[in-house]
Amino acid sequence: MTIKKTVRVIPASEILKNAIKNLLKPDNWTAPVPVPKFGCAHCDEPDGTLIKKKIWLSCGHVVHYDCINCYPYSMNDGETWACPVCIVFVKNIGILYC
């Protein structure tokens, strides 16, 4: 005797309807929606408020050049910094925009 396993295929429209129903429940309204951080990792200025040159550090953090080019973070050669977030010595990868 063999047992035949059946798999129910849920149509995409039903999945979408269930997702919308779950989003519209009042329980889900109180939870904050996480958003990515687009500002400088040091001064937390959002993009577009000030036009400053941003650099992308090798640790992955993005900071304004003016924010990191000061005493606690800048090293003597001008291409090595201490990241203000993870406090490791990093080199810049490139200028994102000016």
Protein backbone atom coordinates (compact mmCIF):
# COMPACT_ATOMS: atom_id res chain seq x y z
CA MET A 1 0.00 0.00 0.00
CA THR A 2 1.41 3.40 -0.98
CA ILE A 3 0.43 6.73 0.47
CA LYS A 4 0.07 9.49 -2.03
CA LYS A 5 1.00 12.92 -0.77
CA THR A 6 -0.85 15.85 -2.27
CA VAL A 7 0.45 19.38 -2.28
CA ARG A 8 -2.00 22.25 -2.26
CA VAL A 9 -0.92 25.04 -4.57
CA ILE A 10 -2.07 28.41 -3.28
CA PRO A 11 -2.78 30.92 -6.05
CA ALA A 12 -0.88 34.19 -5.92
CA SER A 13 -4.10 36.19 -5.64
CA GLU A 14 -5.03 34.36 -2.43
CA ILE A 15 -1.57 34.97 -0.96
CA LEU A 16 -1.90 38.68 -1.77
CA LYS A 17 -5.39 38.88 -0.23
CA ASN A 18 -4.15 37.24 2.98
CA ALA A 19 -1.17 39.59 3.16
CA ILE A 20 -3.40 42.65 2.77
CA LYS A 21 -5.80 41.34 5.43
CA ASN A 22 -2.90 40.86 7.84
CA LEU A 23 -1.60 44.37 7.17
CA LEU A 24 -5.01 45.91 7.79
CA LYS A 25 -5.45 44.29 11.21
CA PRO A 26 -5.36 46.91 13.98
CA ASP A 27 -2.77 44.81 15.86
CA ASN A 28 -0.20 45.56 13.18
CA TRP A 29 -0.75 49.32 13.22
CA THR A 30 1.13 49.92 16.47
CA ALA A 31 4.36 48.28 15.34
CA PRO A 32 6.83 50.77 13.85
CA VAL A 33 7.94 50.11 10.31
CA PRO A 34 11.74 49.82 10.13
CA VAL A 35 13.33 52.08 7.55
CA PRO A 36 16.92 52.14 6.37
CA LYS A 37 19.15 54.92 7.63
CA PHE A 38 20.15 57.18 4.75
CA GLY A 39 21.91 59.92 6.66
CA CYS A 40 25.47 60.35 7.80
CA ALA A 41 26.57 57.75 10.36
CA HIS A 42 28.19 60.48 12.49
CA CYS A 43 25.94 63.55 12.43
CA ASP A 44 22.71 61.75 11.38
CA GLU A 45 21.85 64.45 8.82
CA PRO A 46 19.40 63.05 6.26
CA ASP A 47 20.35 63.24 2.61
CA GLY A 48 19.42 66.39 0.79
CA THR A 49 19.44 68.79 3.76
CA LEU A 50 23.07 69.77 3.34
CA ILE A 51 25.16 69.28 0.25
CA LYS A 52 28.35 67.76 1.59
CA LYS A 53 30.82 65.31 0.15
CA LYS A 54 30.15 61.81 1.49
CA ILE A 55 32.69 59.03 1.61
CA TRP A 56 32.09 55.32 1.81
CA LEU A 57 34.43 53.67 4.29
CA SER A 58 35.74 50.13 3.86
CA CYS A 59 33.73 49.03 6.92
CA GLY A 60 30.54 49.89 5.00
CA HIS A 61 29.49 53.06 6.82
CA VAL A 62 28.81 56.30 4.95
CA VAL A 63 29.89 59.60 6.52
CA HIS A 64 30.35 63.20 5.47
CA TYR A 65 33.93 64.10 4.71
CA ASP A 66 33.65 67.14 7.01
CA CYS A 67 32.33 65.00 9.88
CA ILE A 68 35.19 62.51 9.77
CA ASN A 69 38.01 64.90 8.82
CA CYS A 70 38.56 66.13 12.38
CA TYR A 71 40.83 65.32 15.32
CA PRO A 72 39.33 62.16 16.85
CA TYR A 73 38.84 60.33 13.54
CA SER A 74 41.37 61.57 10.98
CA MET A 75 44.85 60.09 10.83
CA ASN A 76 47.95 61.91 9.58
CA ASP A 77 48.04 60.56 6.00
CA GLY A 78 44.55 61.83 5.10
CA GLU A 79 43.31 58.50 3.73
CA THR A 80 42.92 56.56 6.96
CA TRP A 81 40.19 57.24 9.49
CA ALA A 82 38.72 55.71 12.59
CA CYS A 83 35.09 54.94 11.82
CA PRO A 84 32.81 56.84 14.25
CA VAL A 85 30.41 53.88 14.42
CA CYS A 86 32.56 50.76 14.73
CA ILE A 87 35.79 52.48 15.93
CA VAL A 88 38.16 50.60 13.64
CA PHE A 89 40.79 52.03 11.33
CA VAL A 90 39.43 52.08 7.78
CA LYS A 91 40.29 53.47 4.38
CA ASN A 92 37.83 55.15 2.06
CA ILE A 93 36.46 53.23 -0.91
CA GLY A 94 35.32 56.25 -2.83
CA ILE A 95 33.42 59.49 -2.92
CA LEU A 96 29.72 58.81 -3.30
CA TYR A 97 28.73 62.29 -4.43
CA CYS A 98 29.66 65.89 -3.87
